Amino acid sequence: KKTAAKLSFVIIVVLVLLAVMNPGKEDFGEYAVNHLEETLG
C-alpha cells in the first residue's frame, strides 16, 4: 500500500507539472528562433 501510494503521488505530481508547464505559442516561437539561429549562426 505504501509503494502504491508513493507511485500514485509521483504520477499525480508529474501530471500536474505537465499541465502547469504546458508550452504556449511564445515558448514555441522562442524555440523555433533559437533553432534557426543555431542553423544560421
PDB file of all heavy atoms in Angstrom:
ATOM      1  N   LYS A   1       0.826  -1.201   0.000  1.00  0.00           N
ATOM      2  CA  LYS A   1       0.000   0.000   0.000  1.00  0.00           C
ATOM      3  C   LYS A   1       0.865   1.259   0.000  1.00  0.00           C
ATOM      4  O   LYS A   1       0.559   2.226  -0.680  1.00  0.00           O
ATOM      5  CB  LYS A   1      -0.949   0.006   1.209  1.00  0.00           C
ATOM      6  CG  LYS A   1      -2.080  -0.967   1.087  1.00  0.00           C
ATOM      7  CD  LYS A   1      -2.991  -0.890   2.283  1.00  0.00           C
ATOM      8  CE  LYS A   1      -4.111  -1.926   2.167  1.00  0.00           C
ATOM      9  NZ  LYS A   1      -4.974  -1.903   3.344  1.00  0.00           N
ATOM     10  N   LYS A   2       1.964   1.235   0.770  1.00  0.00           N
ATOM     11  CA  LYS A   2       2.864   2.385   0.806  1.00  0.00           C
ATOM     12  C   LYS A   2       3.509   2.615  -0.561  1.00  0.00           C
ATOM     13  O   LYS A   2       3.625   3.743  -1.013  1.00  0.00           O
ATOM     14  CB  LYS A   2       3.935   2.202   1.872  1.00  0.00           C
ATOM     15  CG  LYS A   2       3.435   2.363   3.283  1.00  0.00           C
ATOM     16  CD  LYS A   2       4.561   2.195   4.271  1.00  0.00           C
ATOM     17  CE  LYS A   2       4.046   2.312   5.691  1.00  0.00           C
ATOM     18  NZ  LYS A   2       5.128   2.101   6.676  1.00  0.00           N
ATOM     19  N   THR A   3       3.917   1.535  -1.199  1.00  0.00           N
ATOM     20  CA  THR A   3       4.524   1.646  -2.523  1.00  0.00           C
ATOM     21  C   THR A   3       3.522   2.176  -3.535  1.00  0.00           C
ATOM     22  O   THR A   3       3.851   3.047  -4.347  1.00  0.00           O
ATOM     23  CB  THR A   3       5.066   0.278  -2.983  1.00  0.00           C
ATOM     24  OG1 THR A   3       5.963  -0.217  -1.992  1.00  0.00           O
ATOM     25  CG2 THR A   3       5.783   0.391  -4.304  1.00  0.00           C
ATOM     26  N   ALA A   4       2.306   1.687  -3.484  1.00  0.00           N
ATOM     27  CA  ALA A   4       1.267   2.160  -4.405  1.00  0.00           C
ATOM     28  C   ALA A   4       0.937   3.623  -4.141  1.00  0.00           C
ATOM     29  O   ALA A   4       0.735   4.396  -5.089  1.00  0.00           O
ATOM     30  CB  ALA A   4       0.014   1.297  -4.270  1.00  0.00           C
ATOM     31  N   ALA A   5       0.924   4.016  -2.888  1.00  0.00           N
ATOM     32  CA  ALA A   5       0.638   5.417  -2.551  1.00  0.00           C
ATOM     33  C   ALA A   5       1.752   6.332  -3.048  1.00  0.00           C
ATOM     34  O   ALA A   5       1.481   7.412  -3.586  1.00  0.00           O
ATOM     35  CB  ALA A   5       0.451   5.573  -1.050  1.00  0.00           C
ATOM     36  N   LYS A   6       2.991   5.917  -2.893  1.00  0.00           N
ATOM     37  CA  LYS A   6       4.121   6.714  -3.373  1.00  0.00           C
ATOM     38  C   LYS A   6       4.089   6.836  -4.894  1.00  0.00           C
ATOM     39  O   LYS A   6       4.307   7.912  -5.443  1.00  0.00           O
ATOM     40  CB  LYS A   6       5.446   6.094  -2.933  1.00  0.00           C
ATOM     41  CG  LYS A   6       5.740   6.257  -1.467  1.00  0.00           C
ATOM     42  CD  LYS A   6       7.055   5.579  -1.106  1.00  0.00           C
ATOM     43  CE  LYS A   6       7.327   5.639   0.376  1.00  0.00           C
ATOM     44  NZ  LYS A   6       8.570   4.942   0.735  1.00  0.00           N
ATOM     45  N   LEU A   7       3.822   5.732  -5.563  1.00  0.00           N
ATOM     46  CA  LEU A   7       3.747   5.751  -7.023  1.00  0.00           C
ATOM     47  C   LEU A   7       2.612   6.649  -7.497  1.00  0.00           C
ATOM     48  O   LEU A   7       2.785   7.439  -8.435  1.00  0.00           O
ATOM     49  CB  LEU A   7       3.570   4.327  -7.559  1.00  0.00           C
ATOM     50  CG  LEU A   7       3.508   4.188  -9.077  1.00  0.00           C
ATOM     51  CD1 LEU A   7       4.813   4.648  -9.701  1.00  0.00           C
ATOM     52  CD2 LEU A   7       3.205   2.754  -9.458  1.00  0.00           C
ATOM     53  N   SER A   8       1.471   6.571  -6.864  1.00  0.00           N
ATOM     54  CA  SER A   8       0.331   7.428  -7.217  1.00  0.00           C
ATOM     55  C   SER A   8       0.677   8.900  -7.014  1.00  0.00           C
ATOM     56  O   SER A   8       0.344   9.739  -7.845  1.00  0.00           O
ATOM     57  CB  SER A   8      -0.891   7.080  -6.371  1.00  0.00           C
ATOM     58  OG  SER A   8      -1.294   5.763  -6.607  1.00  0.00           O
ATOM     59  N   PHE A   9       1.361   9.205  -5.916  1.00  0.00           N
ATOM     60  CA  PHE A   9       1.757  10.577  -5.639  1.00  0.00           C
ATOM     61  C   PHE A   9       2.696  11.103  -6.723  1.00  0.00           C
ATOM     62  O   PHE A   9       2.542  12.226  -7.208  1.00  0.00           O
ATOM     63  CB  PHE A   9       2.416  10.672  -4.259  1.00  0.00           C
ATOM     64  CG  PHE A   9       2.894  12.048  -3.920  1.00  0.00           C
ATOM     65  CD1 PHE A   9       1.986  13.038  -3.580  1.00  0.00           C
ATOM     66  CD2 PHE A   9       4.244  12.354  -3.952  1.00  0.00           C
ATOM     67  CE1 PHE A   9       2.422  14.316  -3.277  1.00  0.00           C
ATOM     68  CE2 PHE A   9       4.682  13.627  -3.656  1.00  0.00           C
ATOM     69  CZ  PHE A   9       3.783  14.613  -3.311  1.00  0.00           C
ATOM     70  N   VAL A  10       3.676  10.300  -7.110  1.00  0.00           N
ATOM     71  CA  VAL A  10       4.633  10.707  -8.147  1.00  0.00           C
ATOM     72  C   VAL A  10       3.912  10.935  -9.475  1.00  0.00           C
ATOM     73  O   VAL A  10       4.172  11.924 -10.177  1.00  0.00           O
ATOM     74  CB  VAL A  10       5.760   9.659  -8.296  1.00  0.00           C
ATOM     75  CG1 VAL A  10       6.590   9.905  -9.536  1.00  0.00           C
ATOM     76  CG2 VAL A  10       6.633   9.647  -7.056  1.00  0.00           C
ATOM     77  N   ILE A  11       2.995  10.058  -9.825  1.00  0.00           N
ATOM     78  CA  ILE A  11       2.248  10.211 -11.079  1.00  0.00           C
ATOM     79  C   ILE A  11       1.413  11.484 -11.058  1.00  0.00           C
ATOM     80  O   ILE A  11       1.380  12.241 -12.039  1.00  0.00           O
ATOM     81  CB  ILE A  11       1.372   8.973 -11.340  1.00  0.00           C
ATOM     82  CG1 ILE A  11       2.258   7.776 -11.695  1.00  0.00           C
ATOM     83  CG2 ILE A  11       0.357   9.229 -12.450  1.00  0.00           C
ATOM     84  CD1 ILE A  11       1.537   6.460 -11.793  1.00  0.00           C
ATOM     85  N   ILE A  12       0.766  11.764  -9.941  1.00  0.00           N
ATOM     86  CA  ILE A  12      -0.049  12.976  -9.832  1.00  0.00           C
ATOM     87  C   ILE A  12       0.822  14.227  -9.942  1.00  0.00           C
ATOM     88  O   ILE A  12       0.461  15.187 -10.631  1.00  0.00           O
ATOM     89  CB  ILE A  12      -0.857  12.965  -8.520  1.00  0.00           C
ATOM     90  CG1 ILE A  12      -1.964  11.913  -8.614  1.00  0.00           C
ATOM     91  CG2 ILE A  12      -1.445  14.333  -8.211  1.00  0.00           C
ATOM     92  CD1 ILE A  12      -2.689  11.643  -7.329  1.00  0.00           C
ATOM     93  N   VAL A  13       1.986  14.220  -9.297  1.00  0.00           N
ATOM     94  CA  VAL A  13       2.889  15.372  -9.372  1.00  0.00           C
ATOM     95  C   VAL A  13       3.355  15.601 -10.806  1.00  0.00           C
ATOM     96  O   VAL A  13       3.368  16.738 -11.297  1.00  0.00           O
ATOM     97  CB  VAL A  13       4.094  15.182  -8.414  1.00  0.00           C
ATOM     98  CG1 VAL A  13       5.184  16.200  -8.694  1.00  0.00           C
ATOM     99  CG2 VAL A  13       3.641  15.280  -6.975  1.00  0.00           C
ATOM    100  N   VAL A  14       3.715  14.545 -11.516  1.00  0.00           N
ATOM    101  CA  VAL A  14       4.160  14.681 -12.906  1.00  0.00           C
ATOM    102  C   VAL A  14       3.028  15.209 -13.785  1.00  0.00           C
ATOM    103  O   VAL A  14       3.240  16.096 -14.623  1.00  0.00           O
ATOM    104  CB  VAL A  14       4.699  13.328 -13.440  1.00  0.00           C
ATOM    105  CG1 VAL A  14       4.902  13.377 -14.943  1.00  0.00           C
ATOM    106  CG2 VAL A  14       5.991  12.967 -12.740  1.00  0.00           C
ATOM    107  N   LEU A  15       1.811  14.720 -13.599  1.00  0.00           N
ATOM    108  CA  LEU A  15       0.678  15.200 -14.384  1.00  0.00           C
ATOM    109  C   LEU A  15       0.379  16.673 -14.111  1.00  0.00           C
ATOM    110  O   LEU A  15       0.091  17.439 -15.042  1.00  0.00           O
ATOM    111  CB  LEU A  15      -0.561  14.342 -14.123  1.00  0.00           C
ATOM    112  CG  LEU A  15      -0.501  12.913 -14.651  1.00  0.00           C
ATOM    113  CD1 LEU A  15      -1.739  12.127 -14.213  1.00  0.00           C
ATOM    114  CD2 LEU A  15      -0.358  12.886 -16.162  1.00  0.00           C
ATOM    115  N   VAL A  16       0.469  17.077 -12.847  1.00  0.00           N
ATOM    116  CA  VAL A  16       0.242  18.492 -12.513  1.00  0.00           C
ATOM    117  C   VAL A  16       1.334  19.356 -13.135  1.00  0.00           C
ATOM    118  O   VAL A  16       1.054  20.425 -13.692  1.00  0.00           O
ATOM    119  CB  VAL A  16       0.169  18.683 -10.979  1.00  0.00           C
ATOM    120  CG1 VAL A  16       0.241  20.154 -10.599  1.00  0.00           C
ATOM    121  CG2 VAL A  16      -1.099  18.060 -10.428  1.00  0.00           C
ATOM    122  N   LEU A  17       2.585  18.905 -13.071  1.00  0.00           N
ATOM    123  CA  LEU A  17       3.672  19.657 -13.701  1.00  0.00           C
ATOM    124  C   LEU A  17       3.477  19.773 -15.212  1.00  0.00           C
ATOM    125  O   LEU A  17       3.737  20.831 -15.798  1.00  0.00           O
ATOM    126  CB  LEU A  17       5.019  19.003 -13.398  1.00  0.00           C
ATOM    127  CG  LEU A  17       5.603  19.278 -12.026  1.00  0.00           C
ATOM    128  CD1 LEU A  17       6.865  18.453 -11.801  1.00  0.00           C
ATOM    129  CD2 LEU A  17       5.902  20.745 -11.847  1.00  0.00           C
ATOM    130  N   LEU A  18       3.038  18.701 -15.848  1.00  0.00           N
ATOM    131  CA  LEU A  18       2.770  18.755 -17.285  1.00  0.00           C
ATOM    132  C   LEU A  18       1.695  19.791 -17.598  1.00  0.00           C
ATOM    133  O   LEU A  18       1.821  20.559 -18.559  1.00  0.00           O
ATOM    134  CB  LEU A  18       2.336  17.381 -17.803  1.00  0.00           C
ATOM    135  CG  LEU A  18       3.433  16.391 -18.116  1.00  0.00           C
ATOM    136  CD1 LEU A  18       2.839  15.008 -18.367  1.00  0.00           C
ATOM    137  CD2 LEU A  18       4.236  16.836 -19.315  1.00  0.00           C
ATOM    138  N   ALA A  19       0.642  19.830 -16.800  1.00  0.00           N
ATOM    139  CA  ALA A  19      -0.450  20.770 -17.046  1.00  0.00           C
ATOM    140  C   ALA A  19      -0.011  22.212 -16.802  1.00  0.00           C
ATOM    141  O   ALA A  19      -0.326  23.102 -17.589  1.00  0.00           O
ATOM    142  CB  ALA A  19      -1.651  20.421 -16.168  1.00  0.00           C
ATOM    143  N   VAL A  20       0.732  22.433 -15.731  1.00  0.00           N
ATOM    144  CA  VAL A  20       1.161  23.794 -15.401  1.00  0.00           C
ATOM    145  C   VAL A  20       2.201  24.311 -16.386  1.00  0.00           C
ATOM    146  O   VAL A  20       2.202  25.481 -16.755  1.00  0.00           O
ATOM    147  CB  VAL A  20       1.709  23.842 -13.951  1.00  0.00           C
ATOM    148  CG1 VAL A  20       2.392  25.159 -13.654  1.00  0.00           C
ATOM    149  CG2 VAL A  20       0.587  23.590 -12.970  1.00  0.00           C
ATOM    150  N   MET A  21       3.077  23.438 -16.840  1.00  0.00           N
ATOM    151  CA  MET A  21       4.164  23.847 -17.726  1.00  0.00           C
ATOM    152  C   MET A  21       3.883  23.516 -19.190  1.00  0.00           C
ATOM    153  O   MET A  21       4.810  23.340 -19.974  1.00  0.00           O
ATOM    154  CB  MET A  21       5.464  23.212 -17.260  1.00  0.00           C
ATOM    155  CG  MET A  21       5.865  23.664 -15.867  1.00  0.00           C
ATOM    156  SD  MET A  21       7.444  23.035 -15.364  1.00  0.00           S
ATOM    157  CE  MET A  21       8.523  24.005 -16.408  1.00  0.00           C
ATOM    158  N   ASN A  22       2.621  23.488 -19.567  1.00  0.00           N
ATOM    159  CA  ASN A  22       2.244  23.255 -20.956  1.00  0.00           C
ATOM    160  C   ASN A  22       2.698  24.459 -21.785  1.00  0.00           C
ATOM    161  O   ASN A  22       2.334  25.589 -21.490  1.00  0.00           O
ATOM    162  CB  ASN A  22       0.731  23.064 -21.047  1.00  0.00           C
ATOM    163  CG  ASN A  22       0.292  22.598 -22.411  1.00  0.00           C
ATOM    164  OD1 ASN A  22       1.103  22.323 -23.274  1.00  0.00           O
ATOM    165  ND2 ASN A  22      -1.009  22.518 -22.585  1.00  0.00           N
ATOM    166  N   PRO A  23       3.510  24.252 -22.840  1.00  0.00           N
ATOM    167  CA  PRO A  23       4.046  25.392 -23.587  1.00  0.00           C
ATOM    168  C   PRO A  23       2.984  26.094 -24.431  1.00  0.00           C
ATOM    169  O   PRO A  23       2.037  25.484 -24.913  1.00  0.00           O
ATOM    170  CB  PRO A  23       5.119  24.759 -24.476  1.00  0.00           C
ATOM    171  CG  PRO A  23       4.719  23.342 -24.606  1.00  0.00           C
ATOM    172  CD  PRO A  23       4.009  22.979 -23.350  1.00  0.00           C
ATOM    173  N   GLY A  24       3.179  27.393 -24.602  1.00  0.00           N
ATOM    174  CA  GLY A  24       2.311  28.201 -25.452  1.00  0.00           C
ATOM    175  C   GLY A  24       3.019  28.579 -26.741  1.00  0.00           C
ATOM    176  O   GLY A  24       4.155  28.157 -26.994  1.00  0.00           O
ATOM    177  N   LYS A  25       2.363  29.416 -27.538  1.00  0.00           N
ATOM    178  CA  LYS A  25       2.956  29.844 -28.805  1.00  0.00           C
ATOM    179  C   LYS A  25       4.254  30.614 -28.588  1.00  0.00           C
ATOM    180  O   LYS A  25       5.183  30.513 -29.388  1.00  0.00           O
ATOM    181  CB  LYS A  25       1.976  30.722 -29.582  1.00  0.00           C
ATOM    182  CG  LYS A  25       0.970  29.974 -30.395  1.00  0.00           C
ATOM    183  CD  LYS A  25       0.195  30.955 -31.257  1.00  0.00           C
ATOM    184  CE  LYS A  25      -0.772  30.236 -32.156  1.00  0.00           C
ATOM    185  NZ  LYS A  25      -1.473  31.168 -33.041  1.00  0.00           N
ATOM    186  N   GLU A  26       4.306  31.401 -27.519  1.00  0.00           N
ATOM    187  CA  GLU A  26       5.515  32.183 -27.238  1.00  0.00           C
ATOM    188  C   GLU A  26       6.708  31.271 -26.981  1.00  0.00           C
ATOM    189  O   GLU A  26       7.806  31.523 -27.472  1.00  0.00           O
ATOM    190  CB  GLU A  26       5.303  33.099 -26.028  1.00  0.00           C
ATOM    191  CG  GLU A  26       4.187  34.102 -26.190  1.00  0.00           C
ATOM    192  CD  GLU A  26       2.814  33.519 -25.884  1.00  0.00           C
ATOM    193  OE1 GLU A  26       2.723  32.482 -25.196  1.00  0.00           O
ATOM    194  OE2 GLU A  26       1.826  34.085 -26.368  1.00  0.00           O
ATOM    195  N   ASP A  27       6.479  30.208 -26.221  1.00  0.00           N
ATOM    196  CA  ASP A  27       7.561  29.258 -25.922  1.00  0.00           C
ATOM    197  C   ASP A  27       8.036  28.570 -27.199  1.00  0.00           C
ATOM    198  O   ASP A  27       9.243  28.404 -27.416  1.00  0.00           O
ATOM    199  CB  ASP A  27       7.082  28.208 -24.911  1.00  0.00           C
ATOM    200  CG  ASP A  27       6.629  28.833 -23.610  1.00  0.00           C
ATOM    201  OD1 ASP A  27       7.356  29.686 -23.077  1.00  0.00           O
ATOM    202  OD2 ASP A  27       5.537  28.470 -23.139  1.00  0.00           O
ATOM    203  N   PHE A  28       7.083  28.171 -28.037  1.00  0.00           N
ATOM    204  CA  PHE A  28       7.468  27.516 -29.282  1.00  0.00           C
ATOM    205  C   PHE A  28       8.175  28.501 -30.213  1.00  0.00           C
ATOM    206  O   PHE A  28       9.140  28.136 -30.884  1.00  0.00           O
ATOM    207  CB  PHE A  28       6.257  26.910 -29.991  1.00  0.00           C
ATOM    208  CG  PHE A  28       6.627  26.224 -31.275  1.00  0.00           C
ATOM    209  CD1 PHE A  28       7.291  25.020 -31.247  1.00  0.00           C
ATOM    210  CD2 PHE A  28       6.349  26.810 -32.494  1.00  0.00           C
ATOM    211  CE1 PHE A  28       7.664  24.386 -32.424  1.00  0.00           C
ATOM    212  CE2 PHE A  28       6.711  26.192 -33.674  1.00  0.00           C
ATOM    213  CZ  PHE A  28       7.372  24.977 -33.639  1.00  0.00           C
ATOM    214  N   GLY A  29       7.700  29.747 -30.253  1.00  0.00           N
ATOM    215  CA  GLY A  29       8.357  30.757 -31.089  1.00  0.00           C
ATOM    216  C   GLY A  29       9.796  30.969 -30.670  1.00  0.00           C
ATOM    217  O   GLY A  29      10.692  31.074 -31.514  1.00  0.00           O
ATOM    218  N   GLU A  30      10.041  31.014 -29.365  1.00  0.00           N
ATOM    219  CA  GLU A  30      11.399  31.165 -28.857  1.00  0.00           C
ATOM    220  C   GLU A  30      12.260  29.973 -29.251  1.00  0.00           C
ATOM    221  O   GLU A  30      13.410  30.129 -29.680  1.00  0.00           O
ATOM    222  CB  GLU A  30      11.344  31.313 -27.340  1.00  0.00           C
ATOM    223  CG  GLU A  30      12.656  31.648 -26.702  1.00  0.00           C
ATOM    224  CD  GLU A  30      12.504  31.870 -25.216  1.00  0.00           C
ATOM    225  OE1 GLU A  30      11.535  32.532 -24.797  1.00  0.00           O
ATOM    226  OE2 GLU A  30      13.371  31.356 -24.471  1.00  0.00           O
ATOM    227  N   TYR A  31      11.705  28.761 -29.113  1.00  0.00           N
ATOM    228  CA  TYR A  31      12.441  27.557 -29.513  1.00  0.00           C
ATOM    229  C   TYR A  31      12.763  27.586 -31.012  1.00  0.00           C
ATOM    230  O   TYR A  31      13.892  27.308 -31.413  1.00  0.00           O
ATOM    231  CB  TYR A  31      11.624  26.302 -29.180  1.00  0.00           C
ATOM    232  CG  TYR A  31      12.091  25.073 -29.918  1.00  0.00           C
ATOM    233  CD1 TYR A  31      13.210  24.374 -29.491  1.00  0.00           C
ATOM    234  CD2 TYR A  31      11.430  24.625 -31.061  1.00  0.00           C
ATOM    235  CE1 TYR A  31      13.654  23.261 -30.173  1.00  0.00           C
ATOM    236  CE2 TYR A  31      11.867  23.511 -31.741  1.00  0.00           C
ATOM    237  CZ  TYR A  31      12.981  22.827 -31.305  1.00  0.00           C
ATOM    238  OH  TYR A  31      13.420  21.741 -31.992  1.00  0.00           O
ATOM    239  N   ALA A  32      11.777  27.932 -31.825  1.00  0.00           N
ATOM    240  CA  ALA A  32      11.977  27.925 -33.279  1.00  0.00           C
ATOM    241  C   ALA A  32      13.031  28.944 -33.691  1.00  0.00           C
ATOM    242  O   ALA A  32      13.874  28.664 -34.549  1.00  0.00           O
ATOM    243  CB  ALA A  32      10.651  28.198 -33.991  1.00  0.00           C
ATOM    244  N   VAL A  33      13.020  30.128 -33.088  1.00  0.00           N
ATOM    245  CA  VAL A  33      14.007  31.154 -33.421  1.00  0.00           C
ATOM    246  C   VAL A  33      15.396  30.731 -32.961  1.00  0.00           C
ATOM    247  O   VAL A  33      16.376  30.907 -33.692  1.00  0.00           O
ATOM    248  CB  VAL A  33      13.593  32.513 -32.810  1.00  0.00           C
ATOM    249  CG1 VAL A  33      14.715  33.524 -32.904  1.00  0.00           C
ATOM    250  CG2 VAL A  33      12.355  33.030 -33.514  1.00  0.00           C
ATOM    251  N   ASN A  34      15.495  30.137 -31.763  1.00  0.00           N
ATOM    252  CA  ASN A  34      16.800  29.653 -31.301  1.00  0.00           C
ATOM    253  C   ASN A  34      17.337  28.569 -32.219  1.00  0.00           C
ATOM    254  O   ASN A  34      18.528  28.528 -32.507  1.00  0.00           O
ATOM    255  CB  ASN A  34      16.712  29.130 -29.866  1.00  0.00           C
ATOM    256  CG  ASN A  34      16.531  30.242 -28.867  1.00  0.00           C
ATOM    257  OD1 ASN A  34      16.832  31.391 -29.152  1.00  0.00           O
ATOM    258  ND2 ASN A  34      16.046  29.896 -27.701  1.00  0.00           N
ATOM    259  N   HIS A  35      16.451  27.692 -32.664  1.00  0.00           N
ATOM    260  CA  HIS A  35      16.869  26.637 -33.593  1.00  0.00           C
ATOM    261  C   HIS A  35      17.330  27.258 -34.917  1.00  0.00           C
ATOM    262  O   HIS A  35      18.305  26.802 -35.513  1.00  0.00           O
ATOM    263  CB  HIS A  35      15.715  25.667 -33.822  1.00  0.00           C
ATOM    264  CG  HIS A  35      16.070  24.473 -34.629  1.00  0.00           C
ATOM    265  ND1 HIS A  35      16.945  23.504 -34.182  1.00  0.00           N
ATOM    266  CD2 HIS A  35      15.698  24.094 -35.873  1.00  0.00           C
ATOM    267  CE1 HIS A  35      17.081  22.582 -35.111  1.00  0.00           C
ATOM    268  NE2 HIS A  35      16.336  22.923 -36.149  1.00  0.00           N
ATOM    269  N   LEU A  36      16.644  28.302 -35.371  1.00  0.00           N
ATOM    270  CA  LEU A  36      17.026  28.999 -36.603  1.00  0.00           C
ATOM    271  C   LEU A  36      18.369  29.687 -36.432  1.00  0.00           C
ATOM    272  O   LEU A  36      19.204  29.645 -37.327  1.00  0.00           O
ATOM    273  CB  LEU A  36      15.938  30.019 -36.972  1.00  0.00           C
ATOM    274  CG  LEU A  36      16.156  30.836 -38.236  1.00  0.00           C
ATOM    275  CD1 LEU A  36      16.143  29.925 -39.453  1.00  0.00           C
ATOM    276  CD2 LEU A  36      15.085  31.901 -38.364  1.00  0.00           C
ATOM    277  N   GLU A  37      18.601  30.296 -35.261  1.00  0.00           N
ATOM    278  CA  GLU A  37      19.885  30.947 -35.004  1.00  0.00           C
ATOM    279  C   GLU A  37      21.027  29.938 -35.008  1.00  0.00           C
ATOM    280  O   GLU A  37      22.114  30.237 -35.486  1.00  0.00           O
ATOM    281  CB  GLU A  37      19.849  31.695 -33.673  1.00  0.00           C
ATOM    282  CG  GLU A  37      19.051  32.971 -33.725  1.00  0.00           C
ATOM    283  CD  GLU A  37      18.980  33.672 -32.369  1.00  0.00           C
ATOM    284  OE1 GLU A  37      19.562  33.149 -31.397  1.00  0.00           O
ATOM    285  OE2 GLU A  37      18.346  34.721 -32.311  1.00  0.00           O
ATOM    286  N   GLU A  38      20.787  28.733 -34.478  1.00  0.00           N
ATOM    287  CA  GLU A  38      21.822  27.700 -34.495  1.00  0.00           C
ATOM    288  C   GLU A  38      22.156  27.315 -35.928  1.00  0.00           C
ATOM    289  O   GLU A  38      23.304  27.066 -36.270  1.00  0.00           O
ATOM    290  CB  GLU A  38      21.361  26.465 -33.725  1.00  0.00           C
ATOM    291  CG  GLU A  38      21.296  26.657 -32.233  1.00  0.00           C
ATOM    292  CD  GLU A  38      20.677  25.460 -31.528  1.00  0.00           C
ATOM    293  OE1 GLU A  38      20.466  24.422 -32.178  1.00  0.00           O
ATOM    294  OE2 GLU A  38      20.394  25.577 -30.326  1.00  0.00           O
ATOM    295  N   THR A  39      21.136  27.289 -36.781  1.00  0.00           N
ATOM    296  CA  THR A  39      21.354  26.921 -38.172  1.00  0.00           C
ATOM    297  C   THR A  39      22.114  28.019 -38.918  1.00  0.00           C
ATOM    298  O   THR A  39      23.037  27.730 -39.682  1.00  0.00           O
ATOM    299  CB  THR A  39      20.003  26.675 -38.879  1.00  0.00           C
ATOM    300  OG1 THR A  39      19.296  25.687 -38.147  1.00  0.00           O
ATOM    301  CG2 THR A  39      20.202  26.208 -40.298  1.00  0.00           C
ATOM    302  N   LEU A  40      21.735  29.282 -38.691  1.00  0.00           N
ATOM    303  CA  LEU A  40      22.349  30.396 -39.409  1.00  0.00           C
ATOM    304  C   LEU A  40      23.636  30.881 -38.767  1.00  0.00           C
ATOM    305  O   LEU A  40      24.437  31.549 -39.403  1.00  0.00           O
ATOM    306  CB  LEU A  40      21.366  31.575 -39.492  1.00  0.00           C
ATOM    307  CG  LEU A  40      20.074  31.319 -40.254  1.00  0.00           C
ATOM    308  CD1 LEU A  40      19.187  32.556 -40.177  1.00  0.00           C
ATOM    309  CD2 LEU A  40      20.366  30.971 -41.701  1.00  0.00           C
ATOM    310  N   GLY A  41      23.840  30.607 -37.498  1.00  0.00           N
ATOM    311  CA  GLY A  41      24.982  31.126 -36.759  1.00  0.00           C
ATOM    312  C   GLY A  41      24.560  32.344 -35.959  1.00  0.00           C
ATOM    313  O   GLY A  41      23.620  33.048 -36.315  1.00  0.00           O
TER     314      GLY A  41
END
